[in-house]
Amino acid sequence: MYQFTCRNRHLLKRFMAAALSAVVMCTSLPYAPQTARAAAPYVSLRTRFKTLQAGQSNWMTLKNNTIGWKITKAATDDRTIAMVYGRKEDGFMIKGKFVEEPRPGKA
């Protein structure tokens, strides 16, 4: 009788250990549902580099903007060369300025 109860207890422990390991294994699996934001492509400016002549302007917009990003700030590195104006949520205007170069011989 004692051996029978010991065996049942042993089998119960093994079953509980197997069930617990199965539960731990299932909960540790990565579950990441594909949402619209995760599946959306990378949002960037339509052009990374733009060459403008003096007085020429260009409308810059966002590329792959399927999740509705809005432009909050637009600036240039050197305001003496190009100026940003007309910023809206979906784009901004950039205009090239006339840069006067110093004449040789004049200080």
PDB file of N, CA and C in Angstrom:
ATOM      1  N   MET A   1       0.822  -1.184   0.000  1.00  0.00           N
ATOM      2  CA  MET A   1       0.000   0.000   0.000  1.00  0.00           C
ATOM      3  C   MET A   1       0.875   1.260   0.000  1.00  0.00           C
ATOM      4  N   TYR A   2       1.925   1.248   0.793  1.00  0.00           N
ATOM      5  CA  TYR A   2       2.814   2.402   0.876  1.00  0.00           C
ATOM      6  C   TYR A   2       3.487   2.679  -0.459  1.00  0.00           C
ATOM      7  N   GLN A   3       3.894   1.627  -1.179  1.00  0.00           N
ATOM      8  CA  GLN A   3       4.534   1.803  -2.479  1.00  0.00           C
ATOM      9  C   GLN A   3       3.562   2.403  -3.481  1.00  0.00           C
ATOM     10  N   PHE A   4       2.310   2.023  -3.423  1.00  0.00           N
ATOM     11  CA  PHE A   4       1.320   2.538  -4.357  1.00  0.00           C
ATOM     12  C   PHE A   4       1.101   4.042  -4.172  1.00  0.00           C
ATOM     13  N   THR A   5       0.993   4.503  -2.947  1.00  0.00           N
ATOM     14  CA  THR A   5       0.795   5.926  -2.700  1.00  0.00           C
ATOM     15  C   THR A   5       2.057   6.715  -3.042  1.00  0.00           C
ATOM     16  N   CYS A   6       3.214   6.125  -2.785  1.00  0.00           N
ATOM     17  CA  CYS A   6       4.465   6.796  -3.145  1.00  0.00           C
ATOM     18  C   CYS A   6       4.576   6.938  -4.658  1.00  0.00           C
ATOM     19  N   ARG A   7       4.187   5.906  -5.367  1.00  0.00           N
ATOM     20  CA  ARG A   7       4.247   5.951  -6.830  1.00  0.00           C
ATOM     21  C   ARG A   7       3.280   6.997  -7.371  1.00  0.00           C
ATOM     22  N   ASN A   8       2.078   7.060  -6.817  1.00  0.00           N
ATOM     23  CA  ASN A   8       1.111   8.071  -7.260  1.00  0.00           C
ATOM     24  C   ASN A   8       1.621   9.477  -6.998  1.00  0.00           C
ATOM     25  N   ARG A   9       2.240   9.670  -5.840  1.00  0.00           N
ATOM     26  CA  ARG A   9       2.774  10.970  -5.503  1.00  0.00           C
ATOM     27  C   ARG A   9       3.908  11.332  -6.474  1.00  0.00           C
ATOM     28  N   HIS A  10       4.735  10.364  -6.790  1.00  0.00           N
ATOM     29  CA  HIS A  10       5.836  10.588  -7.729  1.00  0.00           C
ATOM     30  C   HIS A  10       5.312  10.951  -9.126  1.00  0.00           C
ATOM     31  N   LEU A  11       4.283  10.213  -9.587  1.00  0.00           N
ATOM     32  CA  LEU A  11       3.696  10.501 -10.891  1.00  0.00           C
ATOM     33  C   LEU A  11       3.020  11.876 -10.901  1.00  0.00           C
ATOM     34  N   LEU A  12       2.387  12.232  -9.801  1.00  0.00           N
ATOM     35  CA  LEU A  12       1.747  13.537  -9.699  1.00  0.00           C
ATOM     36  C   LEU A  12       2.789  14.662  -9.769  1.00  0.00           C
ATOM     37  N   LYS A  13       3.919  14.468  -9.080  1.00  0.00           N
ATOM     38  CA  LYS A  13       4.993  15.459  -9.127  1.00  0.00           C
ATOM     39  C   LYS A  13       5.548  15.596 -10.534  1.00  0.00           C
ATOM     40  N   ARG A  14       5.743  14.481 -11.214  1.00  0.00           N
ATOM     41  CA  ARG A  14       6.267  14.537 -12.584  1.00  0.00           C
ATOM     42  C   ARG A  14       5.278  15.227 -13.526  1.00  0.00           C
ATOM     43  N   PHE A  15       3.985  14.909 -13.357  1.00  0.00           N
ATOM     44  CA  PHE A  15       2.971  15.544 -14.193  1.00  0.00           C
ATOM     45  C   PHE A  15       2.914  17.047 -13.939  1.00  0.00           C
ATOM     46  N   MET A  16       2.966  17.456 -12.688  1.00  0.00           N
ATOM     47  CA  MET A  16       2.929  18.878 -12.356  1.00  0.00           C
ATOM     48  C   MET A  16       4.182  19.593 -12.885  1.00  0.00           C
ATOM     49  N   ALA A  17       5.325  18.947 -12.811  1.00  0.00           N
ATOM     50  CA  ALA A  17       6.556  19.551 -13.328  1.00  0.00           C
ATOM     51  C   ALA A  17       6.463  19.722 -14.842  1.00  0.00           C
ATOM     52  N   ALA A  18       5.936  18.718 -15.548  1.00  0.00           N
ATOM     53  CA  ALA A  18       5.784  18.814 -17.001  1.00  0.00           C
ATOM     54  C   ALA A  18       4.770  19.895 -17.371  1.00  0.00           C
ATOM     55  N   ALA A  19       3.669  19.974 -16.626  1.00  0.00           N
ATOM     56  CA  ALA A  19       2.652  20.989 -16.910  1.00  0.00           C
ATOM     57  C   ALA A  19       3.197  22.393 -16.645  1.00  0.00           C
ATOM     58  N   LEU A  20       3.937  22.557 -15.546  1.00  0.00           N
ATOM     59  CA  LEU A  20       4.508  23.857 -15.227  1.00  0.00           C
ATOM     60  C   LEU A  20       5.551  24.278 -16.265  1.00  0.00           C
ATOM     61  N   SER A  21       6.360  23.335 -16.711  1.00  0.00           N
ATOM     62  CA  SER A  21       7.356  23.689 -17.737  1.00  0.00           C
ATOM     63  C   SER A  21       6.673  24.041 -19.061  1.00  0.00           C
ATOM     64  N   ALA A  22       5.567  23.385 -19.389  1.00  0.00           N
ATOM     65  CA  ALA A  22       4.832  23.711 -20.615  1.00  0.00           C
ATOM     66  C   ALA A  22       4.226  25.107 -20.518  1.00  0.00           C
ATOM     67  N   VAL A  23       3.689  25.453 -19.349  1.00  0.00           N
ATOM     68  CA  VAL A  23       3.104  26.777 -19.156  1.00  0.00           C
ATOM     69  C   VAL A  23       4.186  27.851 -19.259  1.00  0.00           C
ATOM     70  N   VAL A  24       5.339  27.622 -18.630  1.00  0.00           N
ATOM     71  CA  VAL A  24       6.427  28.590 -18.688  1.00  0.00           C
ATOM     72  C   VAL A  24       6.923  28.744 -20.125  1.00  0.00           C
ATOM     73  N   MET A  25       7.022  27.654 -20.848  1.00  0.00           N
ATOM     74  CA  MET A  25       7.489  27.717 -22.227  1.00  0.00           C
ATOM     75  C   MET A  25       6.490  28.475 -23.109  1.00  0.00           C
ATOM     76  N   CYS A  26       5.215  28.255 -22.916  1.00  0.00           N
ATOM     77  CA  CYS A  26       4.206  28.943 -23.734  1.00  0.00           C
ATOM     78  C   CYS A  26       4.146  30.437 -23.410  1.00  0.00           C
ATOM     79  N   THR A  27       4.335  30.799 -22.150  1.00  0.00           N
ATOM     80  CA  THR A  27       4.265  32.217 -21.809  1.00  0.00           C
ATOM     81  C   THR A  27       5.526  32.967 -22.219  1.00  0.00           C
ATOM     82  N   SER A  28       6.628  32.262 -22.404  1.00  0.00           N
ATOM     83  CA  SER A  28       7.861  32.945 -22.798  1.00  0.00           C
ATOM     84  C   SER A  28       7.968  33.129 -24.305  1.00  0.00           C
ATOM     85  N   LEU A  29       7.073  32.538 -25.066  1.00  0.00           N
ATOM     86  CA  LEU A  29       7.101  32.736 -26.511  1.00  0.00           C
ATOM     87  C   LEU A  29       6.752  34.180 -26.838  1.00  0.00           C
ATOM     88  N   PRO A  30       7.457  34.780 -27.784  1.00  0.00           N
ATOM     89  CA  PRO A  30       7.160  36.179 -28.110  1.00  0.00           C
ATOM     90  C   PRO A  30       5.833  36.301 -28.846  1.00  0.00           C
ATOM     91  N   TYR A  31       4.984  37.114 -28.311  1.00  0.00           N
ATOM     92  CA  TYR A  31       3.702  37.376 -28.953  1.00  0.00           C
ATOM     93  C   TYR A  31       3.664  38.847 -29.294  1.00  0.00           C
ATOM     94  N   ALA A  32       3.847  39.159 -30.558  1.00  0.00           N
ATOM     95  CA  ALA A  32       3.826  40.541 -31.005  1.00  0.00           C
ATOM     96  C   ALA A  32       2.885  40.648 -32.202  1.00  0.00           C
ATOM     97  N   PRO A  33       1.646  41.034 -31.973  1.00  0.00           N
ATOM     98  CA  PRO A  33       0.729  41.157 -33.101  1.00  0.00           C
ATOM     99  C   PRO A  33       1.146  42.307 -34.013  1.00  0.00           C
ATOM    100  N   GLN A  34       0.983  42.116 -35.297  1.00  0.00           N
ATOM    101  CA  GLN A  34       1.326  43.149 -36.279  1.00  0.00           C
ATOM    102  C   GLN A  34       0.235  44.199 -36.295  1.00  0.00           C
ATOM    103  N   THR A  35       0.547  45.354 -35.758  1.00  0.00           N
ATOM    104  CA  THR A  35      -0.401  46.458 -35.794  1.00  0.00           C
ATOM    105  C   THR A  35      -0.099  47.321 -37.007  1.00  0.00           C
ATOM    106  N   ALA A  36      -0.934  48.298 -37.253  1.00  0.00           N
ATOM    107  CA  ALA A  36      -0.741  49.182 -38.410  1.00  0.00           C
ATOM    108  C   ALA A  36       0.541  49.999 -38.255  1.00  0.00           C
ATOM    109  N   ARG A  37       0.858  50.425 -37.042  1.00  0.00           N
ATOM    110  CA  ARG A  37       2.068  51.213 -36.828  1.00  0.00           C
ATOM    111  C   ARG A  37       3.322  50.373 -37.003  1.00  0.00           C
ATOM    112  N   ALA A  38       3.288  49.140 -36.549  1.00  0.00           N
ATOM    113  CA  ALA A  38       4.472  48.289 -36.656  1.00  0.00           C
ATOM    114  C   ALA A  38       4.729  47.884 -38.103  1.00  0.00           C
ATOM    115  N   ALA A  39       3.684  47.730 -38.876  1.00  0.00           N
ATOM    116  CA  ALA A  39       3.845  47.296 -40.255  1.00  0.00           C
ATOM    117  C   ALA A  39       4.075  48.459 -41.218  1.00  0.00           C
ATOM    118  N   ALA A  40       3.933  49.681 -40.736  1.00  0.00           N
ATOM    119  CA  ALA A  40       4.070  50.846 -41.607  1.00  0.00           C
ATOM    120  C   ALA A  40       5.523  51.051 -42.012  1.00  0.00           C
ATOM    121  N   PRO A  41       5.758  51.524 -43.237  1.00  0.00           N
ATOM    122  CA  PRO A  41       7.131  51.775 -43.676  1.00  0.00           C
ATOM    123  C   PRO A  41       7.722  53.000 -42.987  1.00  0.00           C
ATOM    124  N   TYR A  42       9.006  53.160 -43.115  1.00  0.00           N
ATOM    125  CA  TYR A  42       9.744  54.242 -42.477  1.00  0.00           C
ATOM    126  C   TYR A  42       9.365  55.587 -43.107  1.00  0.00           C
ATOM    127  N   VAL A  43       9.039  56.568 -42.272  1.00  0.00           N
ATOM    128  CA  VAL A  43       8.663  57.900 -42.753  1.00  0.00           C
ATOM    129  C   VAL A  43       9.916  58.758 -42.869  1.00  0.00           C
ATOM    130  N   SER A  44      10.082  59.431 -44.010  1.00  0.00           N
ATOM    131  CA  SER A  44      11.239  60.302 -44.215  1.00  0.00           C
ATOM    132  C   SER A  44      10.853  61.437 -45.150  1.00  0.00           C
ATOM    133  N   LEU A  45      11.777  62.379 -45.336  1.00  0.00           N
ATOM    134  CA  LEU A  45      11.547  63.438 -46.313  1.00  0.00           C
ATOM    135  C   LEU A  45      11.630  62.862 -47.721  1.00  0.00           C
ATOM    136  N   ARG A  46      10.899  63.461 -48.642  1.00  0.00           N
ATOM    137  CA  ARG A  46      10.902  62.945 -50.003  1.00  0.00           C
ATOM    138  C   ARG A  46      12.288  63.035 -50.636  1.00  0.00           C
ATOM    139  N   THR A  47      13.047  64.086 -50.339  1.00  0.00           N
ATOM    140  CA  THR A  47      14.428  64.196 -50.815  1.00  0.00           C
ATOM    141  C   THR A  47      15.315  64.516 -49.627  1.00  0.00           C
ATOM    142  N   ARG A  48      16.486  63.926 -49.597  1.00  0.00           N
ATOM    143  CA  ARG A  48      17.415  64.169 -48.506  1.00  0.00           C
ATOM    144  C   ARG A  48      18.301  65.372 -48.795  1.00  0.00           C
ATOM    145  N   PHE A  49      18.570  65.619 -50.064  1.00  0.00           N
ATOM    146  CA  PHE A  49      19.470  66.695 -50.461  1.00  0.00           C
ATOM    147  C   PHE A  49      18.838  67.419 -51.633  1.00  0.00           C
ATOM    148  N   LYS A  50      18.808  68.739 -51.593  1.00  0.00           N
ATOM    149  CA  LYS A  50      18.180  69.511 -52.663  1.00  0.00           C
ATOM    150  C   LYS A  50      19.083  70.679 -53.021  1.00  0.00           C
ATOM    151  N   THR A  51      19.385  70.826 -54.317  1.00  0.00           N
ATOM    152  CA  THR A  51      20.177  71.951 -54.798  1.00  0.00           C
ATOM    153  C   THR A  51      19.225  72.983 -55.384  1.00  0.00           C
ATOM    154  N   LEU A  52      19.305  74.206 -54.882  1.00  0.00           N
ATOM    155  CA  LEU A  52      18.433  75.285 -55.337  1.00  0.00           C
ATOM    156  C   LEU A  52      19.275  76.429 -55.897  1.00  0.00           C
ATOM    157  N   GLN A  53      18.762  77.065 -56.927  1.00  0.00           N
ATOM    158  CA  GLN A  53      19.379  78.283 -57.450  1.00  0.00           C
ATOM    159  C   GLN A  53      18.866  79.464 -56.628  1.00  0.00           C
ATOM    160  N   ALA A  54      19.464  80.619 -56.811  1.00  0.00           N
ATOM    161  CA  ALA A  54      19.022  81.818 -56.097  1.00  0.00           C
ATOM    162  C   ALA A  54      17.593  82.158 -56.507  1.00  0.00           C
ATOM    163  N   GLY A  55      16.719  82.290 -55.553  1.00  0.00           N
ATOM    164  CA  GLY A  55      15.319  82.612 -55.816  1.00  0.00           C
ATOM    165  C   GLY A  55      14.443  81.401 -56.112  1.00  0.00           C
ATOM    166  N   GLN A  56      15.022  80.256 -56.348  1.00  0.00           N
ATOM    167  CA  GLN A  56      14.238  79.054 -56.640  1.00  0.00           C
ATOM    168  C   GLN A  56      13.706  78.472 -55.329  1.00  0.00           C
ATOM    169  N   SER A  57      12.476  77.958 -55.368  1.00  0.00           N
ATOM    170  CA  SER A  57      11.895  77.370 -54.164  1.00  0.00           C
ATOM    171  C   SER A  57      11.396  75.958 -54.470  1.00  0.00           C
ATOM    172  N   ASN A  58      11.237  75.183 -53.416  1.00  0.00           N
ATOM    173  CA  ASN A  58      10.809  73.800 -53.564  1.00  0.00           C
ATOM    174  C   ASN A  58       9.925  73.427 -52.380  1.00  0.00           C
ATOM    175  N   TRP A  59       8.874  72.672 -52.658  1.00  0.00           N
ATOM    176  CA  TRP A  59       7.955  72.198 -51.625  1.00  0.00           C
ATOM    177  C   TRP A  59       8.423  70.823 -51.179  1.00  0.00           C
ATOM    178  N   MET A  60       8.791  70.685 -49.903  1.00  0.00           N
ATOM    179  CA  MET A  60       9.287  69.429 -49.345  1.00  0.00           C
ATOM    180  C   MET A  60       8.158  68.739 -48.593  1.00  0.00           C
ATOM    181  N   THR A  61       7.962  67.451 -48.846  1.00  0.00           N
ATOM    182  CA  THR A  61       6.902  66.687 -48.192  1.00  0.00           C
ATOM    183  C   THR A  61       7.481  65.413 -47.593  1.00  0.00           C
ATOM    184  N   LEU A  62       6.628  64.695 -46.857  1.00  0.00           N
ATOM    185  CA  LEU A  62       7.032  63.437 -46.248  1.00  0.00           C
ATOM    186  C   LEU A  62       6.728  62.267 -47.168  1.00  0.00           C
ATOM    187  N   LYS A  63       7.584  61.253 -47.122  1.00  0.00           N
ATOM    188  CA  LYS A  63       7.411  60.042 -47.922  1.00  0.00           C
ATOM    189  C   LYS A  63       6.971  58.911 -46.994  1.00  0.00           C
ATOM    190  N   ASN A  64       6.066  58.057 -47.446  1.00  0.00           N
ATOM    191  CA  ASN A  64       5.531  56.914 -46.683  1.00  0.00           C
ATOM    192  C   ASN A  64       4.810  57.362 -45.409  1.00  0.00           C
ATOM    193  N   ASN A  65       4.086  58.462 -45.489  1.00  0.00           N
ATOM    194  CA  ASN A  65       3.390  58.986 -44.319  1.00  0.00           C
ATOM    195  C   ASN A  65       1.998  58.373 -44.222  1.00  0.00           C
ATOM    196  N   THR A  66       1.947  57.061 -43.991  1.00  0.00           N
ATOM    197  CA  THR A  66       0.652  56.384 -43.902  1.00  0.00           C
ATOM    198  C   THR A  66       0.069  56.452 -42.501  1.00  0.00           C
ATOM    199  N   ILE A  67       0.882  56.802 -41.497  1.00  0.00           N
ATOM    200  CA  ILE A  67       0.375  56.844 -40.127  1.00  0.00           C
ATOM    201  C   ILE A  67       0.067  58.260 -39.666  1.00  0.00           C
ATOM    202  N   GLY A  68       0.158  59.238 -40.580  1.00  0.00           N
ATOM    203  CA  GLY A  68      -0.292  60.593 -40.283  1.00  0.00           C
ATOM    204  C   GLY A  68       0.668  61.432 -39.460  1.00  0.00           C
ATOM    205  N   TRP A  69       1.960  61.297 -39.671  1.00  0.00           N
ATOM    206  CA  TRP A  69       2.914  62.145 -38.967  1.00  0.00           C
ATOM    207  C   TRP A  69       2.771  63.579 -39.434  1.00  0.00           C
ATOM    208  N   LYS A  70       3.085  64.536 -38.545  1.00  0.00           N
ATOM    209  CA  LYS A  70       2.979  65.951 -38.870  1.00  0.00           C
ATOM    210  C   LYS A  70       4.336  66.609 -38.652  1.00  0.00           C
ATOM    211  N   ILE A  71       4.667  67.561 -39.517  1.00  0.00           N
ATOM    212  CA  ILE A  71       5.915  68.296 -39.386  1.00  0.00           C
ATOM    213  C   ILE A  71       5.724  69.376 -38.335  1.00  0.00           C
ATOM    214  N   THR A  72       6.565  69.350 -37.302  1.00  0.00           N
ATOM    215  CA  THR A  72       6.456  70.337 -36.231  1.00  0.00           C
ATOM    216  C   THR A  72       7.568  71.375 -36.292  1.00  0.00           C
ATOM    217  N   LYS A  73       8.713  71.027 -36.892  1.00  0.00           N
ATOM    218  CA  LYS A  73       9.816  71.972 -36.962  1.00  0.00           C
ATOM    219  C   LYS A  73      10.590  71.713 -38.242  1.00  0.00           C
ATOM    220  N   ALA A  74      10.966  72.789 -38.932  1.00  0.00           N
ATOM    221  CA  ALA A  74      11.787  72.684 -40.137  1.00  0.00           C
ATOM    222  C   ALA A  74      12.812  73.807 -40.094  1.00  0.00           C
ATOM    223  N   ALA A  75      14.078  73.475 -40.358  1.00  0.00           N
ATOM    224  CA  ALA A  75      15.142  74.475 -40.301  1.00  0.00           C
ATOM    225  C   ALA A  75      16.250  74.095 -41.266  1.00  0.00           C
ATOM    226  N   THR A  76      17.090  75.071 -41.616  1.00  0.00           N
ATOM    227  CA  THR A  76      18.266  74.826 -42.445  1.00  0.00           C
ATOM    228  C   THR A  76      19.514  75.031 -41.595  1.00  0.00           C
ATOM    229  N   ASP A  77      20.619  74.474 -42.069  1.00  0.00           N
ATOM    230  CA  ASP A  77      21.882  74.639 -41.347  1.00  0.00           C
ATOM    231  C   ASP A  77      22.405  76.067 -41.460  1.00  0.00           C
ATOM    232  N   ASP A  78      22.250  76.685 -42.630  1.00  0.00           N
ATOM    233  CA  ASP A  78      22.774  78.029 -42.856  1.00  0.00           C
ATOM    234  C   ASP A  78      21.665  78.894 -43.452  1.00  0.00           C
ATOM    235  N   ARG A  79      21.145  79.823 -42.659  1.00  0.00           N
ATOM    236  CA  ARG A  79      20.027  80.651 -43.111  1.00  0.00           C
ATOM    237  C   ARG A  79      20.442  81.681 -44.151  1.00  0.00           C
ATOM    238  N   THR A  80      21.744  81.893 -44.325  1.00  0.00           N
ATOM    239  CA  THR A  80      22.188  82.839 -45.346  1.00  0.00           C
ATOM    240  C   THR A  80      22.118  82.218 -46.736  1.00  0.00           C
ATOM    241  N   ILE A  81      22.029  80.908 -46.831  1.00  0.00           N
ATOM    242  CA  ILE A  81      21.981  80.213 -48.127  1.00  0.00           C
ATOM    243  C   ILE A  81      20.549  79.856 -48.513  1.00  0.00           C
ATOM    244  N   ALA A  82      19.792  79.325 -47.566  1.00  0.00           N
ATOM    245  CA  ALA A  82      18.419  78.907 -47.848  1.00  0.00           C
ATOM    246  C   ALA A  82      17.531  79.243 -46.661  1.00  0.00           C
ATOM    247  N   MET A  83      16.260  79.478 -46.948  1.00  0.00           N
ATOM    248  CA  MET A  83      15.315  79.866 -45.911  1.00  0.00           C
ATOM    249  C   MET A  83      14.106  78.947 -45.964  1.00  0.00           C
ATOM    250  N   VAL A  84      13.624  78.530 -44.800  1.00  0.00           N
ATOM    251  CA  VAL A  84      12.428  77.693 -44.697  1.00  0.00           C
ATOM    252  C   VAL A  84      11.253  78.593 -44.363  1.00  0.00           C
ATOM    253  N   TYR A  85      10.168  78.421 -45.087  1.00  0.00           N
ATOM    254  CA  TYR A  85       8.961  79.204 -44.803  1.00  0.00           C
ATOM    255  C   TYR A  85       7.745  78.406 -45.251  1.00  0.00           C
ATOM    256  N   GLY A  86       6.581  78.864 -44.875  1.00  0.00           N
ATOM    257  CA  GLY A  86       5.329  78.226 -45.289  1.00  0.00           C
ATOM    258  C   GLY A  86       5.164  76.824 -44.746  1.00  0.00           C
ATOM    259  N   ARG A  87       5.592  76.590 -43.503  1.00  0.00           N
ATOM    260  CA  ARG A  87       5.481  75.249 -42.927  1.00  0.00           C
ATOM    261  C   ARG A  87       4.024  74.915 -42.626  1.00  0.00           C
ATOM    262  N   LYS A  88       3.613  73.724 -43.031  1.00  0.00           N
ATOM    263  CA  LYS A  88       2.291  73.186 -42.713  1.00  0.00           C
ATOM    264  C   LYS A  88       2.492  71.803 -42.122  1.00  0.00           C
ATOM    265  N   GLU A  89       1.413  71.123 -41.787  1.00  0.00           N
ATOM    266  CA  GLU A  89       1.528  69.801 -41.175  1.00  0.00           C
ATOM    267  C   GLU A  89       2.061  68.752 -42.143  1.00  0.00           C
ATOM    268  N   ASP A  90       1.814  68.942 -43.435  1.00  0.00           N
ATOM    269  CA  ASP A  90       2.221  67.916 -44.399  1.00  0.00           C
ATOM    270  C   ASP A  90       3.476  68.280 -45.182  1.00  0.00           C
ATOM    271  N   GLY A  91       3.996  69.490 -45.029  1.00  0.00           N
ATOM    272  CA  GLY A  91       5.197  69.862 -45.767  1.00  0.00           C
ATOM    273  C   GLY A  91       5.647  71.278 -45.463  1.00  0.00           C
ATOM    274  N   PHE A  92       6.723  71.703 -46.125  1.00  0.00           N
ATOM    275  CA  PHE A  92       7.230  73.053 -45.946  1.00  0.00           C
ATOM    276  C   PHE A  92       7.915  73.500 -47.234  1.00  0.00           C
ATOM    277  N   MET A  93       8.103  74.802 -47.367  1.00  0.00           N
ATOM    278  CA  MET A  93       8.725  75.396 -48.540  1.00  0.00           C
ATOM    279  C   MET A  93      10.139  75.813 -48.172  1.00  0.00           C
ATOM    280  N   ILE A  94      11.079  75.566 -49.074  1.00  0.00           N
ATOM    281  CA  ILE A  94      12.458  76.000 -48.878  1.00  0.00           C
ATOM    282  C   ILE A  94      12.857  76.828 -50.093  1.00  0.00           C
ATOM    283  N   LYS A  95      13.522  77.975 -49.859  1.00  0.00           N
ATOM    284  CA  LYS A  95      13.854  78.897 -50.946  1.00  0.00           C
ATOM    285  C   LYS A  95      15.332  79.256 -50.876  1.00  0.00           C
ATOM    286  N   GLY A  96      16.009  79.199 -52.024  1.00  0.00           N
ATOM    287  CA  GLY A  96      17.415  79.548 -52.106  1.00  0.00           C
ATOM    288  C   GLY A  96      17.606  81.053 -52.118  1.00  0.00           C
ATOM    289  N   LYS A  97      18.631  81.542 -51.423  1.00  0.00           N
ATOM    290  CA  LYS A  97      18.930  82.975 -51.362  1.00  0.00           C
ATOM    291  C   LYS A  97      20.132  83.290 -52.239  1.00  0.00           C
ATOM    292  N   PHE A  98      20.220  84.549 -52.634  1.00  0.00           N
ATOM    293  CA  PHE A  98      21.361  85.018 -53.400  1.00  0.00           C
ATOM    294  C   PHE A  98      22.502  85.295 -52.429  1.00  0.00           C
ATOM    295  N   VAL A  99      23.642  84.628 -52.643  1.00  0.00           N
ATOM    296  CA  VAL A  99      24.797  84.807 -51.775  1.00  0.00           C
ATOM    297  C   VAL A  99      25.814  85.634 -52.537  1.00  0.00           C
ATOM    298  N   GLU A 100      26.117  86.793 -52.001  1.00  0.00           N
ATOM    299  CA  GLU A 100      27.095  87.666 -52.675  1.00  0.00           C
ATOM    300  C   GLU A 100      28.484  87.299 -52.181  1.00  0.00           C
ATOM    301  N   GLU A 101      29.333  86.918 -53.126  1.00  0.00           N
ATOM    302  CA  GLU A 101      30.692  86.559 -52.770  1.00  0.00           C
ATOM    303  C   GLU A 101      31.575  87.802 -52.861  1.00  0.00           C
ATOM    304  N   PRO A 102      32.542  87.920 -51.957  1.00  0.00           N
ATOM    305  CA  PRO A 102      33.415  89.099 -52.002  1.00  0.00           C
ATOM    306  C   PRO A 102      34.293  89.089 -53.249  1.00  0.00           C
ATOM    307  N   ARG A 103      34.517  90.282 -53.798  1.00  0.00           N
ATOM    308  CA  ARG A 103      35.357  90.391 -54.986  1.00  0.00           C
ATOM    309  C   ARG A 103      36.832  90.252 -54.583  1.00  0.00           C
ATOM    310  N   PRO A 104      37.614  89.659 -55.461  1.00  0.00           N
ATOM    311  CA  PRO A 104      39.042  89.548 -55.131  1.00  0.00           C
ATOM    312  C   PRO A 104      39.695  90.934 -55.139  1.00  0.00           C
ATOM    313  N   GLY A 105      40.555  91.171 -54.178  1.00  0.00           N
ATOM    314  CA  GLY A 105      41.238  92.451 -54.082  1.00  0.00           C
ATOM    315  C   GLY A 105      40.536  93.440 -53.178  1.00  0.00           C
ATOM    316  N   LYS A 106      39.289  93.211 -52.837  1.00  0.00           N
ATOM    317  CA  LYS A 106      38.553  94.120 -51.944  1.00  0.00           C
ATOM    318  C   LYS A 106      38.515  93.495 -50.555  1.00  0.00           C
ATOM    319  N   ALA A 107      38.873  94.252 -49.592  1.00  0.00           N
ATOM    320  CA  ALA A 107      38.913  93.723 -48.239  1.00  0.00           C
ATOM    321  C   ALA A 107      37.722  94.132 -47.435  1.00  0.00           C
TER     322      ALA A 107
END
